[in-house]
Amino acid sequence: MTSYTVLLSFVLIGLLSAHASPRLVSKSRNFRLYSKADWLGEPATWSRPLNQPVPYVVLHHTYIPAACFTMADCAAKMRSMQRYHNSLGWGDIGYNFCVGSEGGAYEGRGFDIEGIHASIANRHSIGICLIGDWRVETPTAVQLETTKALIAEGVKLGKISPNYKLIGHDQVSATECPGTAFTAEFSTWKNYAPGKPTFPADVPVVPAATA
């Protein structure tokens, strides 16, 4: 590793530390929510408002990249996903939010903007992705609790319907996402809706990845 690379790493860590300030923890929120600016994301080049409150929450896993256990690592993986999704022409990271194994929630498109994550479900849902491969292993306890708290926050803010239906990506698209182990866990949660949902095909569908 060159001295320039080492210096650049310290600068990046410093920038992330400066953004990861106590203001991220609201007095009314029991989890850490990092904004797109906090993880040094690029501004969106495509967006469309969601009709709220949305009736669905769609859960995902990344598969790749792997799980992250520090804010710096999770932020780097958010940037990596955003670059890849931008290369597909999506105009931003596809997910509304992601959650790391250290318990941090990371804003993608947020509660107000339509994501590109689950085909026709995009217009009717908030997409939350747990960073990691959850086919065999289960997400960490704090990662699961943050996911529940993030959904509850969306309901509290009027962004998600109180009677929302909780589904996995594989209930909408032909995919292994969100992973067998994770599905076994969240299928026991409140508002889980088994089976394949139906959505009105009244708007053009922006395709989402099936990985």
C-alpha atoms as a PDB file:
ATOM      1  CA  MET A   1       0.000   0.000   0.000  1.00  0.00           C
ATOM      2  CA  THR A   2       1.471   3.351  -1.003  1.00  0.00           C
ATOM      3  CA  SER A   3       1.723   6.343   1.325  1.00  0.00           C
ATOM      4  CA  TYR A   4      -0.810   8.151  -0.901  1.00  0.00           C
ATOM      5  CA  THR A   5      -3.323   5.304  -0.432  1.00  0.00           C
ATOM      6  CA  VAL A   6      -2.818   5.352   3.332  1.00  0.00           C
ATOM      7  CA  LEU A   7      -3.342   9.125   3.423  1.00  0.00           C
ATOM      8  CA  LEU A   8      -6.475   8.848   1.276  1.00  0.00           C
ATOM      9  CA  SER A   9      -7.878   6.168   3.621  1.00  0.00           C
ATOM     10  CA  PHE A  10      -7.357   8.408   6.649  1.00  0.00           C
ATOM     11  CA  VAL A  11      -9.037  11.325   4.867  1.00  0.00           C
ATOM     12  CA  LEU A  12     -12.063   9.195   3.956  1.00  0.00           C
ATOM     13  CA  ILE A  13     -12.381   7.820   7.485  1.00  0.00           C
ATOM     14  CA  GLY A  14     -12.189  11.388   8.784  1.00  0.00           C
ATOM     15  CA  LEU A  15     -14.947  12.520   6.458  1.00  0.00           C
ATOM     16  CA  LEU A  16     -17.176   9.623   7.498  1.00  0.00           C
ATOM     17  CA  SER A  17     -16.494  10.283  11.157  1.00  0.00           C
ATOM     18  CA  ALA A  18     -17.420  13.930  10.700  1.00  0.00           C
ATOM     19  CA  HIS A  19     -20.725  12.947   9.124  1.00  0.00           C
ATOM     20  CA  ALA A  20     -21.446  10.180  11.646  1.00  0.00           C
ATOM     21  CA  SER A  21     -22.396  12.680  14.319  1.00  0.00           C
ATOM     22  CA  PRO A  22     -24.795  12.325  17.275  1.00  0.00           C
ATOM     23  CA  ARG A  23     -27.459  14.242  15.336  1.00  0.00           C
ATOM     24  CA  LEU A  24     -28.184  10.975  13.532  1.00  0.00           C
ATOM     25  CA  VAL A  25     -29.833   9.618  16.668  1.00  0.00           C
ATOM     26  CA  SER A  26     -33.184  11.302  17.175  1.00  0.00           C
ATOM     27  CA  LYS A  27     -34.653  11.489  20.662  1.00  0.00           C
ATOM     28  CA  SER A  28     -37.728   9.759  19.261  1.00  0.00           C
ATOM     29  CA  ARG A  29     -35.764   7.098  17.361  1.00  0.00           C
ATOM     30  CA  ASN A  30     -34.013   4.101  18.884  1.00  0.00           C
ATOM     31  CA  PHE A  31     -31.701   3.327  15.963  1.00  0.00           C
ATOM     32  CA  ARG A  32     -29.012   5.116  13.981  1.00  0.00           C
ATOM     33  CA  LEU A  33     -30.199   6.509  10.654  1.00  0.00           C
ATOM     34  CA  TYR A  34     -27.464   7.741   8.314  1.00  0.00           C
ATOM     35  CA  SER A  35     -28.432  10.095   5.491  1.00  0.00           C
ATOM     36  CA  LYS A  36     -27.132   9.758   1.948  1.00  0.00           C
ATOM     37  CA  ALA A  37     -24.787  12.662   2.684  1.00  0.00           C
ATOM     38  CA  ASP A  38     -23.426  10.768   5.700  1.00  0.00           C
ATOM     39  CA  TRP A  39     -22.334   7.805   3.570  1.00  0.00           C
ATOM     40  CA  LEU A  40     -21.045  10.178   0.869  1.00  0.00           C
ATOM     41  CA  GLY A  41     -23.571   9.103  -1.743  1.00  0.00           C
ATOM     42  CA  GLU A  42     -24.035  10.868  -5.068  1.00  0.00           C
ATOM     43  CA  PRO A  43     -27.191  12.928  -5.707  1.00  0.00           C
ATOM     44  CA  ALA A  44     -29.975  11.124  -7.556  1.00  0.00           C
ATOM     45  CA  THR A  45     -30.366  11.753 -11.279  1.00  0.00           C
ATOM     46  CA  TRP A  46     -33.811  10.089 -11.488  1.00  0.00           C
ATOM     47  CA  SER A  47     -36.649  10.216  -9.000  1.00  0.00           C
ATOM     48  CA  ARG A  48     -40.408   9.819  -8.827  1.00  0.00           C
ATOM     49  CA  PRO A  49     -42.513  10.527  -5.712  1.00  0.00           C
ATOM     50  CA  LEU A  50     -44.305   7.670  -3.985  1.00  0.00           C
ATOM     51  CA  ASN A  51     -48.017   7.788  -3.262  1.00  0.00           C
ATOM     52  CA  GLN A  52     -48.187   7.515   0.521  1.00  0.00           C
ATOM     53  CA  PRO A  53     -48.783   5.721   2.712  1.00  0.00           C
ATOM     54  CA  VAL A  54     -47.488   2.733   0.759  1.00  0.00           C
ATOM     55  CA  PRO A  55     -49.271  -0.595   1.339  1.00  0.00           C
ATOM     56  CA  TYR A  56     -46.190  -2.842   1.127  1.00  0.00           C
ATOM     57  CA  VAL A  57     -42.701  -3.250   2.570  1.00  0.00           C
ATOM     58  CA  VAL A  58     -40.378  -5.436   0.466  1.00  0.00           C
ATOM     59  CA  LEU A  59     -37.340  -6.989   2.149  1.00  0.00           C
ATOM     60  CA  HIS A  60     -34.090  -7.822   0.349  1.00  0.00           C
ATOM     61  CA  HIS A  61     -30.543  -8.972   0.911  1.00  0.00           C
ATOM     62  CA  THR A  62     -27.569  -7.838  -1.144  1.00  0.00           C
ATOM     63  CA  TYR A  63     -25.934 -11.288  -1.530  1.00  0.00           C
ATOM     64  CA  ILE A  64     -22.987  -9.238  -2.826  1.00  0.00           C
ATOM     65  CA  PRO A  65     -21.589  -7.122  -1.167  1.00  0.00           C
ATOM     66  CA  ALA A  66     -21.087  -9.152   1.984  1.00  0.00           C
ATOM     67  CA  ALA A  67     -22.147  -8.140   5.474  1.00  0.00           C
ATOM     68  CA  CYS A  68     -20.619  -5.020   7.024  1.00  0.00           C
ATOM     69  CA  PHE A  69     -19.942  -4.448  10.715  1.00  0.00           C
ATOM     70  CA  THR A  70     -18.701  -0.844  10.872  1.00  0.00           C
ATOM     71  CA  MET A  71     -20.169   2.413   9.622  1.00  0.00           C
ATOM     72  CA  ALA A  72     -17.134   3.005   7.371  1.00  0.00           C
ATOM     73  CA  ASP A  73     -17.454  -0.419   5.735  1.00  0.00           C
ATOM     74  CA  CYS A  74     -21.232  -0.141   5.334  1.00  0.00           C
ATOM     75  CA  ALA A  75     -20.843   3.334   3.808  1.00  0.00           C
ATOM     76  CA  ALA A  76     -18.276   2.016   1.327  1.00  0.00           C
ATOM     77  CA  LYS A  77     -20.661  -0.767   0.336  1.00  0.00           C
ATOM     78  CA  MET A  78     -23.513   1.702  -0.096  1.00  0.00           C
ATOM     79  CA  ARG A  79     -21.328   3.701  -2.487  1.00  0.00           C
ATOM     80  CA  SER A  80     -20.376   0.540  -4.356  1.00  0.00           C
ATOM     81  CA  MET A  81     -24.036  -0.442  -4.791  1.00  0.00           C
ATOM     82  CA  GLN A  82     -24.963   3.061  -5.897  1.00  0.00           C
ATOM     83  CA  ARG A  83     -22.224   3.048  -8.557  1.00  0.00           C
ATOM     84  CA  TYR A  84     -23.444  -0.312  -9.856  1.00  0.00           C
ATOM     85  CA  HIS A  85     -27.105   0.701  -9.893  1.00  0.00           C
ATOM     86  CA  ASN A  86     -26.205   3.956 -11.633  1.00  0.00           C
ATOM     87  CA  SER A  87     -24.390   1.912 -14.291  1.00  0.00           C
ATOM     88  CA  LEU A  88     -27.727   0.181 -14.970  1.00  0.00           C
ATOM     89  CA  GLY A  89     -29.348   3.530 -15.616  1.00  0.00           C
ATOM     90  CA  TRP A  90     -31.410   3.621 -12.406  1.00  0.00           C
ATOM     91  CA  GLY A  91     -30.317   7.126 -11.438  1.00  0.00           C
ATOM     92  CA  ASP A  92     -29.533   6.215  -7.806  1.00  0.00           C
ATOM     93  CA  ILE A  93     -29.149   3.254  -5.487  1.00  0.00           C
ATOM     94  CA  GLY A  94     -32.248   1.143  -5.973  1.00  0.00           C
ATOM     95  CA  TYR A  95     -33.283   0.615  -2.346  1.00  0.00           C
ATOM     96  CA  ASN A  96     -35.168   3.041  -0.157  1.00  0.00           C
ATOM     97  CA  PHE A  97     -33.017   2.003   2.816  1.00  0.00           C
ATOM     98  CA  CYS A  98     -30.309  -0.516   3.685  1.00  0.00           C
ATOM     99  CA  VAL A  99     -29.382  -1.923   7.098  1.00  0.00           C
ATOM    100  CA  GLY A 100     -25.910  -3.005   8.208  1.00  0.00           C
ATOM    101  CA  SER A 101     -24.956  -5.780  10.619  1.00  0.00           C
ATOM    102  CA  GLU A 102     -23.748  -3.138  13.094  1.00  0.00           C
ATOM    103  CA  GLY A 103     -27.328  -1.882  13.399  1.00  0.00           C
ATOM    104  CA  GLY A 104     -27.125   1.277  11.301  1.00  0.00           C
ATOM    105  CA  ALA A 105     -29.860   2.180   8.816  1.00  0.00           C
ATOM    106  CA  TYR A 106     -28.637   3.861   5.622  1.00  0.00           C
ATOM    107  CA  GLU A 107     -30.859   6.128   3.561  1.00  0.00           C
ATOM    108  CA  GLY A 108     -31.063   5.259  -0.116  1.00  0.00           C
ATOM    109  CA  ARG A 109     -34.026   6.888  -1.851  1.00  0.00           C
ATOM    110  CA  GLY A 110     -35.710   7.474   1.489  1.00  0.00           C
ATOM    111  CA  PHE A 111     -39.384   7.237   2.357  1.00  0.00           C
ATOM    112  CA  ASP A 112     -40.671   9.689  -0.254  1.00  0.00           C
ATOM    113  CA  ILE A 113     -39.095   8.509  -3.525  1.00  0.00           C
ATOM    114  CA  GLU A 114     -39.938   5.391  -5.521  1.00  0.00           C
ATOM    115  CA  GLY A 115     -37.191   2.786  -5.430  1.00  0.00           C
ATOM    116  CA  ILE A 116     -36.051   0.407  -8.150  1.00  0.00           C
ATOM    117  CA  HIS A 117     -35.824  -2.896  -6.322  1.00  0.00           C
ATOM    118  CA  ALA A 118     -38.794  -5.196  -6.984  1.00  0.00           C
ATOM    119  CA  SER A 119     -40.309  -4.661 -10.420  1.00  0.00           C
ATOM    120  CA  ILE A 120     -44.019  -3.764 -10.310  1.00  0.00           C
ATOM    121  CA  ALA A 121     -43.911  -3.536  -6.496  1.00  0.00           C
ATOM    122  CA  ASN A 122     -41.729  -0.410  -6.723  1.00  0.00           C
ATOM    123  CA  ARG A 123     -44.697   1.949  -7.020  1.00  0.00           C
ATOM    124  CA  HIS A 124     -46.414   0.439  -4.007  1.00  0.00           C
ATOM    125  CA  SER A 125     -43.677  -0.212  -1.476  1.00  0.00           C
ATOM    126  CA  ILE A 126     -40.665   0.755   0.557  1.00  0.00           C
ATOM    127  CA  GLY A 127     -37.717  -1.508  -0.245  1.00  0.00           C
ATOM    128  CA  ILE A 128     -35.392  -2.310   2.656  1.00  0.00           C
ATOM    129  CA  CYS A 129     -32.207  -4.275   1.984  1.00  0.00           C
ATOM    130  CA  LEU A 130     -30.141  -6.000   4.668  1.00  0.00           C
ATOM    131  CA  ILE A 131     -26.515  -5.867   3.566  1.00  0.00           C
ATOM    132  CA  GLY A 132     -25.114  -9.400   3.365  1.00  0.00           C
ATOM    133  CA  ASP A 133     -25.877 -12.911   2.117  1.00  0.00           C
ATOM    134  CA  TRP A 134     -28.733 -14.324   4.200  1.00  0.00           C
ATOM    135  CA  ARG A 135     -29.400 -17.616   2.415  1.00  0.00           C
ATOM    136  CA  VAL A 136     -27.805 -19.739   5.154  1.00  0.00           C
ATOM    137  CA  GLU A 137     -26.951 -17.330   7.968  1.00  0.00           C
ATOM    138  CA  THR A 138     -29.487 -15.136   9.731  1.00  0.00           C
ATOM    139  CA  PRO A 139     -28.857 -11.372   9.990  1.00  0.00           C
ATOM    140  CA  THR A 140     -27.561 -10.145  13.337  1.00  0.00           C
ATOM    141  CA  ALA A 141     -30.060  -9.461  16.112  1.00  0.00           C
ATOM    142  CA  VAL A 142     -29.393  -5.706  16.024  1.00  0.00           C
ATOM    143  CA  GLN A 143     -29.778  -5.693  12.229  1.00  0.00           C
ATOM    144  CA  LEU A 144     -33.197  -7.330  12.561  1.00  0.00           C
ATOM    145  CA  GLU A 145     -34.273  -4.960  15.330  1.00  0.00           C
ATOM    146  CA  THR A 146     -33.230  -1.925  13.294  1.00  0.00           C
ATOM    147  CA  THR A 147     -35.242  -3.229  10.344  1.00  0.00           C
ATOM    148  CA  LYS A 148     -38.343  -3.536  12.531  1.00  0.00           C
ATOM    149  CA  ALA A 149     -37.733  -0.086  14.017  1.00  0.00           C
ATOM    150  CA  LEU A 150     -37.259   1.461  10.568  1.00  0.00           C
ATOM    151  CA  ILE A 151     -40.604   0.052   9.413  1.00  0.00           C
ATOM    152  CA  ALA A 152     -42.252   1.334  12.601  1.00  0.00           C
ATOM    153  CA  GLU A 153     -40.732   4.763  11.941  1.00  0.00           C
ATOM    154  CA  GLY A 154     -42.230   4.767   8.455  1.00  0.00           C
ATOM    155  CA  VAL A 155     -45.642   3.941   9.884  1.00  0.00           C
ATOM    156  CA  LYS A 156     -45.296   6.635  12.537  1.00  0.00           C
ATOM    157  CA  LEU A 157     -44.397   9.237   9.904  1.00  0.00           C
ATOM    158  CA  GLY A 158     -47.363   8.290   7.713  1.00  0.00           C
ATOM    159  CA  LYS A 159     -45.106   6.956   4.945  1.00  0.00           C
ATOM    160  CA  ILE A 160     -46.141   3.302   5.381  1.00  0.00           C
ATOM    161  CA  SER A 161     -49.711   2.154   5.938  1.00  0.00           C
ATOM    162  CA  PRO A 162     -50.439   0.871   9.472  1.00  0.00           C
ATOM    163  CA  ASN A 163     -51.923  -2.187   7.735  1.00  0.00           C
ATOM    164  CA  TYR A 164     -48.919  -2.710   5.455  1.00  0.00           C
ATOM    165  CA  LYS A 165     -48.087  -6.142   4.062  1.00  0.00           C
ATOM    166  CA  LEU A 166     -44.543  -7.416   4.602  1.00  0.00           C
ATOM    167  CA  ILE A 167     -43.134  -9.490   1.732  1.00  0.00           C
ATOM    168  CA  GLY A 168     -39.820 -10.714   0.359  1.00  0.00           C
ATOM    169  CA  HIS A 169     -38.366  -9.893  -3.045  1.00  0.00           C
ATOM    170  CA  ASP A 170     -38.852 -13.510  -4.152  1.00  0.00           C
ATOM    171  CA  GLN A 171     -42.622 -13.093  -3.765  1.00  0.00           C
ATOM    172  CA  VAL A 172     -42.482 -10.571  -6.618  1.00  0.00           C
ATOM    173  CA  SER A 173     -39.580 -11.715  -8.826  1.00  0.00           C
ATOM    174  CA  ALA A 174     -37.793 -14.970  -9.692  1.00  0.00           C
ATOM    175  CA  THR A 175     -34.865 -14.639  -7.275  1.00  0.00           C
ATOM    176  CA  GLU A 176     -33.239 -16.152  -4.175  1.00  0.00           C
ATOM    177  CA  CYS A 177     -33.415 -12.727  -2.517  1.00  0.00           C
ATOM    178  CA  PRO A 178     -33.903 -12.074   0.416  1.00  0.00           C
ATOM    179  CA  GLY A 179     -32.381 -15.444   1.375  1.00  0.00           C
ATOM    180  CA  THR A 180     -33.870 -18.564   2.962  1.00  0.00           C
ATOM    181  CA  ALA A 181     -32.590 -17.918   6.490  1.00  0.00           C
ATOM    182  CA  PHE A 182     -33.781 -14.312   6.529  1.00  0.00           C
ATOM    183  CA  THR A 183     -37.170 -15.291   5.105  1.00  0.00           C
ATOM    184  CA  ALA A 184     -37.609 -17.901   7.843  1.00  0.00           C
ATOM    185  CA  GLU A 185     -37.046 -15.130  10.375  1.00  0.00           C
ATOM    186  CA  PHE A 186     -39.251 -12.335   9.031  1.00  0.00           C
ATOM    187  CA  SER A 187     -42.073 -14.711   8.098  1.00  0.00           C
ATOM    188  CA  THR A 188     -42.813 -14.746  11.844  1.00  0.00           C
ATOM    189  CA  TRP A 189     -43.088 -10.939  12.032  1.00  0.00           C
ATOM    190  CA  LYS A 190     -46.229  -8.888  12.310  1.00  0.00           C
ATOM    191  CA  ASN A 191     -47.880  -8.064   8.960  1.00  0.00           C
ATOM    192  CA  TYR A 192     -46.046 -10.777   7.005  1.00  0.00           C
ATOM    193  CA  ALA A 193     -48.159 -11.737   3.978  1.00  0.00           C
ATOM    194  CA  PRO A 194     -47.382 -15.100   2.346  1.00  0.00           C
ATOM    195  CA  GLY A 195     -47.964 -15.834  -1.323  1.00  0.00           C
ATOM    196  CA  LYS A 196     -47.672 -13.698  -4.429  1.00  0.00           C
ATOM    197  CA  PRO A 197     -49.263 -10.251  -4.185  1.00  0.00           C
ATOM    198  CA  THR A 198     -51.012  -8.622  -7.118  1.00  0.00           C
ATOM    199  CA  PHE A 199     -50.381  -5.033  -8.131  1.00  0.00           C
ATOM    200  CA  PRO A 200     -52.185  -2.840 -10.656  1.00  0.00           C
ATOM    201  CA  ALA A 201     -50.195  -2.631 -13.884  1.00  0.00           C
ATOM    202  CA  ASP A 202     -51.109   0.994 -14.415  1.00  0.00           C
ATOM    203  CA  VAL A 203     -47.647   2.544 -14.721  1.00  0.00           C
ATOM    204  CA  PRO A 204     -44.489   1.727 -16.720  1.00  0.00           C
ATOM    205  CA  VAL A 205     -42.288  -0.675 -14.772  1.00  0.00           C
ATOM    206  CA  VAL A 206     -38.602   0.091 -14.275  1.00  0.00           C
ATOM    207  CA  PRO A 207     -36.920  -3.352 -14.145  1.00  0.00           C
ATOM    208  CA  ALA A 208     -34.993  -4.334 -11.026  1.00  0.00           C
ATOM    209  CA  ALA A 209     -32.104  -6.752 -10.608  1.00  0.00           C
ATOM    210  CA  THR A 210     -33.050 -10.354  -9.858  1.00  0.00           C
ATOM    211  CA  ALA A 211     -29.869 -11.291  -7.969  1.00  0.00           C
END
